[in-house]
Protein backbone atom coordinates (compact mmCIF):
# COMPACT_ATOMS: atom_id res chain seq x y z
CA MET A 1 13.19 -6.04 -16.03
CA ALA A 2 13.91 -9.78 -15.70
CA LEU A 3 16.67 -8.85 -13.32
CA ILE A 4 14.41 -6.67 -11.14
CA LEU A 5 11.67 -9.29 -11.19
CA PHE A 6 13.46 -12.57 -10.69
CA ILE A 7 16.30 -11.75 -8.31
CA PRO A 8 13.96 -11.62 -5.25
CA LEU A 9 12.75 -15.12 -6.24
CA ILE A 10 16.27 -16.51 -6.40
CA VAL A 11 16.93 -14.80 -2.98
CA SER A 12 13.83 -16.38 -1.54
CA ILE A 13 14.96 -19.82 -2.50
CA ILE A 14 18.43 -19.14 -1.01
CA CYS A 15 16.80 -17.93 2.27
CA PHE A 16 14.78 -21.17 2.59
CA LEU A 17 18.04 -23.15 2.26
CA LEU A 18 20.32 -21.02 4.52
CA PRO A 19 20.72 -21.73 8.27
CA THR A 20 18.86 -19.24 10.51
CA LYS A 21 22.05 -17.92 11.95
CA TRP A 22 23.22 -16.74 8.54
CA VAL A 23 19.95 -15.79 6.89
CA LYS A 24 19.34 -12.64 8.97
CA ASP A 25 22.47 -10.87 7.75
CA PHE A 26 22.07 -12.09 4.25
CA ALA A 27 18.46 -10.94 3.97
CA LEU A 28 19.26 -7.49 5.43
CA ALA A 29 22.35 -7.04 3.21
CA PHE A 30 20.41 -7.99 0.09
CA SER A 31 17.33 -5.96 0.77
CA THR A 32 19.34 -2.89 1.49
CA THR A 33 21.45 -3.37 -1.62
CA PHE A 34 18.43 -4.11 -3.87
CA PHE A 35 16.60 -0.99 -2.56
CA ALA A 36 19.71 1.16 -3.29
CA TYR A 37 19.82 -0.28 -6.73
CA ILE A 38 16.15 0.58 -7.48
CA ILE A 39 16.66 4.09 -6.21
CA TYR A 40 19.75 4.41 -8.35
CA LEU A 41 17.69 3.41 -11.46
CA LEU A 42 14.92 5.74 -10.52
CA PHE A 43 17.11 8.81 -10.32
CA THR A 44 19.73 8.09 -12.97
CA ASP A 45 18.38 5.68 -15.55
CA PHE A 46 14.60 6.05 -15.45
CA ASN A 47 13.16 8.73 -17.73
CA PRO A 48 9.68 9.75 -16.54
CA GLN A 49 8.94 11.29 -19.93
CA ASN A 50 8.72 7.85 -21.59
CA ASP A 51 5.85 5.35 -21.19
CA PHE A 52 7.37 1.91 -20.12
CA HIS A 53 10.89 1.07 -19.21
CA TYR A 54 12.79 -2.17 -18.70
CA THR A 55 10.20 -3.96 -20.85
CA PHE A 56 10.49 -7.80 -20.89
CA GLN A 57 8.37 -9.94 -23.20
CA ASN A 58 8.41 -13.70 -23.83
CA LEU A 59 6.12 -16.44 -24.98
CA GLY A 60 3.19 -17.18 -22.63
CA ILE A 61 0.24 -19.43 -23.07
CA ARG A 62 -0.76 -19.08 -26.71
CA SER A 63 -4.11 -20.93 -26.41
CA LEU A 64 -5.23 -18.47 -23.78
CA GLY A 65 -4.03 -15.42 -25.59
CA ALA A 66 -1.67 -14.57 -22.65
CA GLN A 67 1.80 -13.37 -23.27
CA PHE A 68 4.48 -12.91 -20.54
CA THR A 69 4.92 -9.14 -20.72
CA PHE A 70 6.38 -6.72 -18.12
CA GLY A 71 7.34 -3.08 -18.08
CA LEU A 72 7.54 -0.06 -15.65
CA ASP A 73 6.01 3.36 -16.10
CA GLY A 74 6.20 6.06 -13.50
CA LEU A 75 3.41 4.59 -11.39
CA GLY A 76 4.85 1.09 -11.46
CA MET A 77 8.38 2.32 -10.74
CA LEU A 78 7.26 4.16 -7.67
CA MET A 79 5.41 1.13 -6.35
CA VAL A 80 8.41 -1.12 -6.97
CA ALA A 81 10.60 1.33 -5.10
CA LEU A 82 8.07 1.48 -2.20
CA THR A 83 7.95 -2.39 -2.18
CA ASN A 84 11.77 -2.57 -1.78
CA PHE A 85 11.71 0.14 0.84
CA VAL A 86 9.14 -1.71 2.97
CA VAL A 87 10.88 -5.06 2.63
CA MET A 88 14.17 -3.52 3.69
CA TYR A 89 12.47 -2.27 6.85
CA VAL A 90 10.74 -5.58 7.50
CA ASN A 91 14.20 -7.16 7.48
CA ILE A 92 15.63 -4.42 9.71
CA MET A 93 12.97 -5.14 12.32
CA ALA A 94 13.15 -8.98 11.88
CA THR A 95 16.87 -9.13 12.57
CA LYS A 96 16.19 -8.34 16.30
CA LYS A 97 13.82 -11.34 16.58
CA GLY A 98 14.02 -15.08 16.29
CA TYR A 99 12.49 -15.65 12.94
CA SER A 100 13.45 -18.80 11.07
CA SER A 101 14.77 -19.07 7.49
CA ARG A 102 11.32 -19.74 6.12
CA PHE A 103 10.15 -16.30 7.33
CA TYR A 104 12.78 -14.53 5.22
CA GLY A 105 12.06 -16.92 2.32
CA LEU A 106 8.34 -15.98 2.47
CA VAL A 107 9.07 -12.25 2.65
CA PHE A 108 11.20 -12.34 -0.53
CA LEU A 109 8.71 -14.59 -2.27
CA MET A 110 6.18 -11.93 -1.55
CA GLN A 111 8.50 -9.25 -2.80
CA PHE A 112 8.81 -11.19 -6.15
CA ALA A 113 4.98 -11.43 -6.42
CA LEU A 114 4.43 -7.69 -5.59
CA ILE A 115 7.06 -6.57 -8.21
CA GLY A 116 5.21 -8.84 -10.64
CA VAL A 117 1.87 -7.17 -9.86
CA PHE A 118 3.26 -3.69 -10.29
CA SER A 119 5.10 -4.43 -13.47
CA CYS A 120 2.95 -6.93 -15.37
CA LEU A 121 1.38 -5.74 -18.61
CA SER A 122 -0.62 -8.95 -19.21
CA ALA A 123 -4.00 -9.30 -17.40
CA PHE A 124 -3.59 -13.08 -17.28
CA PHE A 125 -0.21 -12.98 -15.61
CA PHE A 126 -1.17 -10.00 -13.39
CA TYR A 127 -3.82 -12.31 -11.93
CA VAL A 128 -1.20 -14.96 -11.44
CA PHE A 129 1.04 -12.62 -9.50
CA TRP A 130 -1.85 -11.22 -7.60
CA GLU A 131 -2.75 -14.60 -6.36
CA LEU A 132 0.83 -15.56 -5.66
CA ALA A 133 1.21 -12.54 -3.32
CA LEU A 134 -1.59 -13.92 -1.16
CA ILE A 135 0.12 -17.16 -0.31
CA PRO A 136 3.30 -15.93 1.56
CA ILE A 137 1.46 -13.29 3.54
CA TYR A 138 -1.16 -15.87 4.62
CA LEU A 139 1.62 -18.20 5.78
CA ILE A 140 3.44 -15.39 7.59
CA LEU A 141 0.19 -14.51 9.46
CA LEU A 142 -0.53 -18.17 10.19
CA PHE A 143 2.86 -19.23 11.50
CA TRP A 144 3.78 -16.02 13.41
CA GLY A 145 0.49 -14.48 14.31
CA THR A 146 -0.65 -14.12 17.90
CA GLY A 147 -3.89 -14.04 19.94
CA LYS A 148 -6.95 -16.17 20.43
CA ASN A 149 -8.84 -17.39 17.41
CA ARG A 150 -6.04 -16.12 15.09
CA LYS A 151 -6.44 -19.07 12.63
CA GLU A 152 -10.16 -18.19 12.18
CA THR A 153 -9.18 -14.51 11.73
CA PHE A 154 -6.61 -15.30 9.08
CA ILE A 155 -8.87 -17.77 7.32
CA THR A 156 -11.45 -14.95 7.05
CA PHE A 157 -8.72 -12.74 5.55
CA PHE A 158 -7.84 -15.47 3.07
CA VAL A 159 -11.46 -16.15 2.00
CA TYR A 160 -12.13 -12.36 1.59
CA THR A 161 -9.11 -11.78 -0.56
CA PHE A 162 -9.51 -15.04 -2.51
CA VAL A 163 -13.14 -14.24 -3.41
CA GLY A 164 -12.01 -10.78 -4.45
CA SER A 165 -9.37 -12.38 -6.66
CA LEU A 166 -11.98 -14.52 -8.33
CA LEU A 167 -14.05 -11.47 -9.13
CA ILE A 168 -10.94 -9.83 -10.75
CA LEU A 169 -10.41 -12.96 -12.83
CA GLY A 170 -14.07 -12.97 -13.81
CA GLY A 171 -13.72 -9.36 -14.90
CA PHE A 172 -10.74 -10.04 -17.15
CA ILE A 173 -12.45 -13.05 -18.77
CA PHE A 174 -15.66 -11.01 -19.30
CA PHE A 175 -13.67 -8.21 -20.90
CA HIS A 176 -11.82 -10.66 -23.07
CA ILE A 177 -15.04 -12.11 -24.35
CA GLU A 178 -17.21 -8.97 -24.75
CA ALA A 179 -14.41 -6.85 -26.26
CA LYS A 180 -13.72 -9.74 -28.68
CA MET A 181 -10.04 -9.92 -27.69
CA GLY A 182 -9.51 -13.15 -29.55
CA ASP A 183 -5.98 -12.85 -30.88
CA TYR A 184 -2.73 -14.00 -29.32
CA ASP A 185 -2.20 -10.68 -27.54
CA GLY A 186 -5.81 -10.52 -26.19
CA PHE A 187 -4.82 -10.18 -22.54
CA GLN A 188 -2.22 -7.51 -23.19
CA TYR A 189 -2.77 -4.20 -21.37
CA LEU A 190 -1.65 -2.02 -24.29
CA ASN A 191 -4.18 -3.81 -26.58
CA MET A 192 -7.00 -3.85 -24.13
CA VAL A 193 -6.89 -0.02 -23.60
CA THR A 194 -7.59 0.37 -27.33
CA ARG A 195 -10.92 -1.36 -26.85
CA ASN A 196 -13.95 0.01 -25.15
CA LEU A 197 -16.88 -1.49 -23.26
CA GLU A 198 -20.05 0.55 -23.05
CA GLY A 199 -23.43 0.41 -21.29
CA TYR A 200 -24.18 -2.67 -19.24
CA ASN A 201 -20.98 -4.42 -20.32
CA ALA A 202 -18.92 -1.59 -18.91
CA LEU A 203 -21.15 -1.58 -15.73
CA ILE A 204 -20.60 -5.33 -15.17
CA PHE A 205 -16.83 -5.10 -15.81
CA SER A 206 -16.23 -2.15 -13.54
CA THR A 207 -18.39 -3.65 -10.74
CA LEU A 208 -16.47 -6.94 -10.75
CA MET A 209 -13.13 -5.20 -10.76
CA ILE A 210 -13.84 -2.48 -8.16
CA ILE A 211 -15.24 -5.03 -5.70
CA GLY A 212 -12.27 -7.30 -6.33
CA PHE A 213 -9.73 -4.62 -5.82
CA GLY A 214 -11.84 -2.96 -3.09
CA VAL A 215 -11.46 -5.99 -0.80
CA LYS A 216 -7.66 -5.59 -0.78
CA ILE A 217 -7.73 -1.74 -0.25
CA PRO A 218 -10.14 -2.11 1.70
CA ILE A 219 -13.12 0.05 0.65
CA PHE A 220 -16.04 0.40 3.13
CA PRO A 221 -17.90 -1.89 3.74
CA LEU A 222 -15.44 -4.54 2.52
CA HIS A 223 -13.12 -3.80 5.43
CA SER A 224 -14.32 -6.22 8.13
CA TRP A 225 -11.32 -8.52 7.75
CA GLN A 226 -8.81 -5.71 8.36
CA ALA A 227 -8.80 -4.67 12.01
CA GLN A 228 -8.54 -8.11 13.59
CA THR A 229 -6.02 -9.32 11.00
CA TYR A 230 -3.76 -6.29 11.66
CA LYS A 231 -4.13 -6.85 15.43
CA LYS A 232 -3.25 -10.50 15.40
CA ALA A 233 -0.57 -10.43 12.72
CA PRO A 234 3.06 -10.14 13.66
CA ILE A 235 4.16 -6.54 13.38
CA GLU A 236 6.17 -7.32 10.22
CA GLY A 237 3.12 -8.97 8.62
CA THR A 238 1.01 -5.92 9.53
CA ILE A 239 3.51 -3.62 7.81
CA LEU A 240 3.44 -5.78 4.70
CA LEU A 241 -0.34 -5.68 4.66
CA SER A 242 -0.72 -1.91 5.38
CA ALA A 243 2.29 -0.39 3.85
CA ILE A 244 2.37 -2.16 0.56
CA MET A 245 -0.31 -4.87 -0.02
CA LEU A 246 -3.24 -2.54 0.13
CA LYS A 247 -1.51 -0.48 -2.60
CA MET A 248 -2.13 -3.48 -4.88
CA GLY A 249 -5.84 -2.67 -4.76
CA ILE A 250 -5.36 1.02 -5.49
CA TYR A 251 -2.85 0.25 -8.18
CA GLY A 252 -5.33 -2.27 -9.68
CA ILE A 253 -7.99 0.42 -9.92
CA PHE A 254 -5.47 2.77 -11.43
CA ARG A 255 -4.15 0.31 -14.00
CA TRP A 256 -7.17 -2.04 -14.73
CA VAL A 257 -10.30 0.07 -13.95
CA LEU A 258 -9.84 3.75 -14.75
CA PRO A 259 -8.71 3.15 -18.38
CA PHE A 260 -11.84 1.23 -19.11
CA LEU A 261 -14.38 3.42 -17.36
CA ASP A 262 -17.36 4.43 -19.36
CA LEU A 263 -17.85 8.10 -18.27
CA LYS A 264 -21.30 8.24 -19.85
CA HIS A 265 -22.58 5.70 -17.34
CA THR A 266 -20.93 6.55 -13.96
CA ILE A 267 -23.23 4.86 -11.39
CA VAL A 268 -20.45 2.41 -10.17
CA GLN A 269 -17.89 5.23 -10.07
CA GLU A 270 -20.25 7.45 -8.07
CA ILE A 271 -21.29 4.69 -5.55
CA THR A 272 -17.60 3.79 -4.98
CA ILE A 273 -16.61 7.39 -4.35
CA ILE A 274 -19.45 7.81 -1.79
CA LEU A 275 -18.59 4.55 -0.07
CA SER A 276 -14.89 5.62 0.03
CA VAL A 277 -15.83 8.92 1.58
CA ILE A 278 -17.94 7.10 4.17
CA GLY A 279 -14.85 4.97 4.90
CA VAL A 280 -12.88 8.17 5.49
CA LEU A 281 -15.13 9.23 8.29
CA TYR A 282 -15.90 5.73 9.62
CA GLY A 283 -12.24 4.84 9.99
CA ALA A 284 -11.33 8.18 11.62
CA ILE A 285 -14.28 7.95 14.12
CA ILE A 286 -13.50 4.44 15.18
CA ALA A 287 -9.76 5.30 15.54
CA LEU A 288 -10.77 7.98 18.07
CA ARG A 289 -12.52 5.36 20.18
CA ARG A 290 -9.70 2.73 20.33
CA ASN A 291 -6.95 2.33 22.83
CA ASP A 292 -4.90 -0.37 21.11
CA LEU A 293 -2.14 1.30 19.04
CA LYS A 294 -2.36 -1.36 16.31
CA LEU A 295 -6.14 -0.93 15.96
CA ILE A 296 -5.83 2.85 15.88
CA ALA A 297 -3.33 2.52 13.06
CA ALA A 298 -5.57 0.01 11.27
CA PHE A 299 -8.60 2.33 11.26
CA SER A 300 -6.40 5.30 10.43
CA SER A 301 -5.24 3.35 7.44
CA LEU A 302 -8.86 2.64 6.34
CA SER A 303 -9.56 6.39 6.54
CA HIS A 304 -6.51 7.43 4.49
CA VAL A 305 -6.99 4.88 1.75
CA GLY A 306 -10.67 5.85 1.49
CA LEU A 307 -9.60 9.35 0.58
CA ILE A 308 -7.03 7.97 -1.99
CA THR A 309 -9.69 5.82 -3.63
CA ALA A 310 -12.30 8.54 -3.70
CA GLY A 311 -9.91 11.09 -5.23
CA LEU A 312 -8.56 8.58 -7.79
CA LEU A 313 -12.02 7.67 -9.03
CA THR A 314 -12.92 11.33 -9.68
CA ALA A 315 -10.87 10.60 -12.82
CA ASN A 316 -9.29 14.06 -13.06
CA ILE A 317 -5.53 14.83 -13.16
CA TYR A 318 -5.47 16.15 -9.59
CA GLY A 319 -7.00 12.97 -8.19
CA MET A 320 -4.65 10.83 -10.20
CA GLN A 321 -1.56 12.64 -9.17
CA GLY A 322 -2.80 13.07 -5.55
CA ALA A 323 -3.42 9.23 -5.40
CA VAL A 324 0.11 8.44 -6.64
CA ILE A 325 1.87 10.62 -4.17
CA GLN A 326 -0.37 9.63 -1.32
CA MET A 327 0.18 5.94 -2.05
CA VAL A 328 3.93 6.47 -1.57
CA VAL A 329 3.38 8.70 1.46
CA HIS A 330 0.93 6.40 3.19
CA GLY A 331 3.32 3.51 2.80
CA ILE A 332 6.19 5.55 4.36
CA ASN A 333 4.07 6.86 7.21
CA VAL A 334 2.28 3.76 8.16
CA LEU A 335 5.62 1.94 8.18
CA GLY A 336 6.92 4.59 10.53
CA LEU A 337 3.86 4.21 12.81
CA PHE A 338 4.14 0.49 13.12
CA TYR A 339 7.92 0.76 13.70
CA ILE A 340 7.12 3.17 16.56
CA ILE A 341 4.48 0.78 17.96
CA ASP A 342 6.92 -2.18 17.72
CA ILE A 343 9.57 -0.24 19.72
CA ILE A 344 6.99 0.77 22.40
CA GLN A 345 5.58 -2.78 22.66
CA LYS A 346 9.02 -4.40 22.92
CA GLN A 347 10.10 -2.08 25.79
CA THR A 348 6.81 -1.96 27.66
CA GLY A 349 4.95 -5.18 26.81
CA THR A 350 1.76 -3.30 25.97
CA ARG A 351 0.02 -1.47 23.12
CA ASN A 352 -2.74 0.07 25.27
CA ILE A 353 -2.32 3.82 25.41
CA GLN A 354 -4.08 3.98 28.77
CA ASN A 355 -1.15 2.02 30.28
CA LEU A 356 1.56 4.23 28.75
CA GLY A 357 2.91 7.70 29.49
CA GLY A 358 5.98 9.77 30.12
CA ILE A 359 8.07 8.30 27.25
CA ALA A 360 9.21 11.81 26.26
CA SER A 361 11.06 12.23 29.50
CA LYS A 362 12.74 8.80 29.09
CA ALA A 363 13.54 8.84 25.36
CA PRO A 364 13.58 12.43 23.91
CA ILE A 365 15.17 11.53 20.56
CA PHE A 366 12.57 8.73 20.00
CA SER A 367 9.83 11.20 20.97
CA ILE A 368 11.03 13.85 18.45
CA LEU A 369 11.28 11.38 15.58
CA SER A 370 7.90 9.92 16.45
CA LEU A 371 6.31 13.41 16.46
CA ILE A 372 7.68 14.16 12.93
CA ILE A 373 6.15 10.92 11.60
CA ILE A 374 2.81 11.62 13.34
CA LEU A 375 2.74 15.13 11.97
CA GLY A 376 3.23 13.67 8.47
CA THR A 377 0.34 11.24 9.09
CA ILE A 378 -2.04 14.14 9.91
CA SER A 379 -0.87 16.07 6.83
CA VAL A 380 0.58 19.15 8.53
CA PRO A 381 1.94 21.60 5.89
CA LEU A 382 5.56 21.07 4.95
CA THR A 383 5.21 17.33 5.77
CA ASN A 384 4.76 14.59 3.16
CA GLY A 385 1.13 14.02 3.85
CA PHE A 386 0.05 17.57 2.97
CA PRO A 387 0.53 17.75 -0.93
CA GLY A 388 -1.32 14.53 -1.77
CA GLU A 389 -4.16 15.22 0.62
CA MET A 390 -4.72 18.66 -0.80
CA LEU A 391 -4.75 17.34 -4.41
CA LEU A 392 -7.20 14.63 -3.42
CA LEU A 393 -9.50 17.01 -1.71
CA PHE A 394 -9.28 19.47 -4.62
CA SER A 395 -10.15 16.64 -7.02
CA LEU A 396 -13.23 15.83 -4.89
CA TYR A 397 -14.17 19.54 -4.84
CA LEU A 398 -14.10 19.66 -8.65
CA TYR A 399 -16.17 16.44 -8.67
CA LYS A 400 -18.84 17.30 -6.02
CA PRO A 401 -18.00 19.97 -3.45
CA VAL A 402 -20.11 18.51 -0.72
CA LEU A 403 -17.97 15.27 -0.80
CA ALA A 404 -14.81 17.34 -0.45
CA VAL A 405 -16.25 19.09 2.57
CA ILE A 406 -17.20 15.69 4.19
CA ALA A 407 -13.87 14.09 3.31
CA GLY A 408 -11.99 17.12 4.60
CA LEU A 409 -13.15 16.29 8.06
CA THR A 410 -10.52 13.59 8.09
CA ILE A 411 -7.94 16.43 8.74
CA ILE A 412 -9.70 17.31 11.94
CA PHE A 413 -10.37 13.76 13.03
CA GLY A 414 -6.83 12.65 12.14
CA ALA A 415 -5.27 15.33 14.15
CA ALA A 416 -7.57 14.36 17.04
CA TYR A 417 -6.69 10.63 17.23
CA MET A 418 -3.03 11.05 16.37
CA LEU A 419 -2.34 13.78 18.80
CA ARG A 420 -4.32 11.82 21.45
CA ILE A 421 -1.94 8.88 20.87
CA TYR A 422 1.09 11.24 21.31
CA GLN A 423 -0.19 12.95 24.34
CA LEU A 424 -1.22 9.84 26.22
CA THR A 425 1.84 7.83 25.18
CA PHE A 426 4.66 10.31 25.33
CA PHE A 427 3.47 12.75 28.06
CA ARG A 428 1.36 12.40 31.17
CA GLU A 429 3.03 10.79 34.23
CA VAL A 430 5.38 7.89 33.83
CA SER A 431 3.48 4.62 34.23
CA VAL A 432 4.48 1.25 35.62
CA GLU A 433 5.02 -0.05 32.16
CA THR A 434 7.24 2.91 31.03
CA GLU A 435 9.33 3.54 34.12
CA ASP A 436 12.19 1.52 32.69
CA PHE A 437 11.82 2.86 29.10
CA LYS A 438 15.21 3.50 27.49
CA GLU A 439 16.29 5.68 24.61
CA ILE A 440 16.32 3.84 21.27
CA SER A 441 19.62 2.37 20.00
CA ILE A 442 21.82 4.08 17.34
CA SER A 443 20.60 1.70 14.64
CA GLN A 444 16.93 2.38 15.55
CA MET A 445 17.72 6.19 15.44
CA PHE A 446 19.08 5.90 11.98
CA ALA A 447 16.21 3.67 10.73
CA LEU A 448 13.47 5.86 12.23
CA GLY A 449 15.41 8.99 11.40
CA PHE A 450 15.44 8.08 7.71
CA ILE A 451 11.64 7.79 7.75
CA ALA A 452 11.46 11.16 9.48
CA PHE A 453 13.77 12.63 6.86
CA LEU A 454 11.45 11.39 4.14
CA VAL A 455 8.46 12.94 5.89
CA ILE A 456 10.15 16.30 5.70
CA ALA A 457 11.94 15.95 2.36
CA ILE A 458 8.76 14.83 0.39
CA GLY A 459 6.78 17.62 2.17
CA LEU A 460 9.27 20.22 0.92
CA PHE A 461 9.90 18.72 -2.60
CA PRO A 462 6.80 16.77 -3.57
CA GLN A 463 7.34 17.68 -7.21
CA TYR A 464 9.96 14.96 -7.66
CA ILE A 465 7.37 12.28 -7.17
CA LEU A 466 4.70 14.17 -9.12
CA ASP A 467 7.03 14.52 -12.08
CA ILE A 468 7.73 10.73 -12.13
CA SER A 469 4.01 9.96 -12.36
CA TYR A 470 2.97 12.95 -14.58
CA ILE A 471 3.17 11.21 -18.00
CA THR A 472 1.34 8.17 -16.69
CA CYS A 473 -1.48 10.36 -15.29
CA THR A 474 -1.59 12.60 -18.35
CA HIS A 475 -1.92 9.65 -20.74
CA LEU A 476 -4.72 8.21 -18.62
CA LYS A 477 -6.44 11.61 -18.52
CA ASN A 478 -6.26 11.90 -22.33
CA LEU A 479 -7.61 8.33 -22.77
CA LEU A 480 -10.56 9.13 -20.48
CA ALA A 481 -11.32 12.37 -22.44
CA THR A 482 -12.06 10.19 -25.49
CA ARG A 483 -14.76 8.34 -23.42
CA LEU A 484 -16.76 11.52 -22.79
């Protein structure tokens, strides 16, 4: 575990020191090798039937009852694999641009923090890594963002997420005090899940935590930072935010909220599910009305993560497993969408779909790969988006059928705005901006083709991911059964 966690930190330091002319190749070579290593562990060494693997434990801060403890279960391992996958693609895209050494250093520093978030089994150090992840992404946005008033936009993002972080810290401290976790291991996850808060104490704790994590996801109406931040961020920063950082919030609910829910007093759970379903519709309707490809992808993401959060908080096994697979799938698909947007913008100089058209006649291979990724995003059967979305909708149906019906409208809306993008961008007559559009390069075909392959492979064989997370979800379901 120490190897998985600390190597990105060492690489980050090396990147800061390397000359720019060398750092691109080094960063791409390392991120590709490290991703391959994680996949090797996942399919050869990782046993999904066990609880936690690669555990690492050391002395922490004794006076605070915080011990330096890490380990990966099925959920954490999938999130670490997704993190490395996203970082690899960020480096693939960045090599074509003039980023300095500090960009790559910040990306790997963020990778280190994200792995810490997904593997930490100490509430205290979870918070430390949670805060650490905010620093590099803020600097990436600030240094390489574009557009008017971008500093104000990114400061708003920082304030939102920082306040959310303080609520999470407040929740951990509140739990520590009210659950009388006074011993040396008082902030340890495996000790905390043996304690139980009830009544108003459970209400206060879950409220603090859900709002704190909800800012990062974001849950409606805590989303107001998202659209403009995505729009003004460099495309690599947008990918880091959408493909992996928002998973921090969903993971936080999975790890640090669900195990402590008081199912006898479910008002916070019910309100959050309703708000998440509202977010599903709100994001989809706004996406239908936008012409900027980045904004459409941003509001599409709000809609998708709303469904993930709602299904997860139903606290049944279908919602849990649906949330896990959809976290992975959303990361893959939104990465693919932003990669497509980046290619289009670099060749045409615009993201406005009203100024595009006819790309299918200019770049047929690019058009086919883009179609596969879009079909996965709208959850067409036999694509990767279908299994998780069906599990999430089924979990909502078991919880309250009316919510499943409302949330199910996302299938219709999603198809409407995604097929609108495809029709206006790839068909119609060739525009002035697209008349010189060229077929993508061989390297781009391989990179985009691998994402398209995952869209089909996960759609045909979703059970591989479900098996990895099954024990984690089952243990959580059994724990919640004792709270009824």
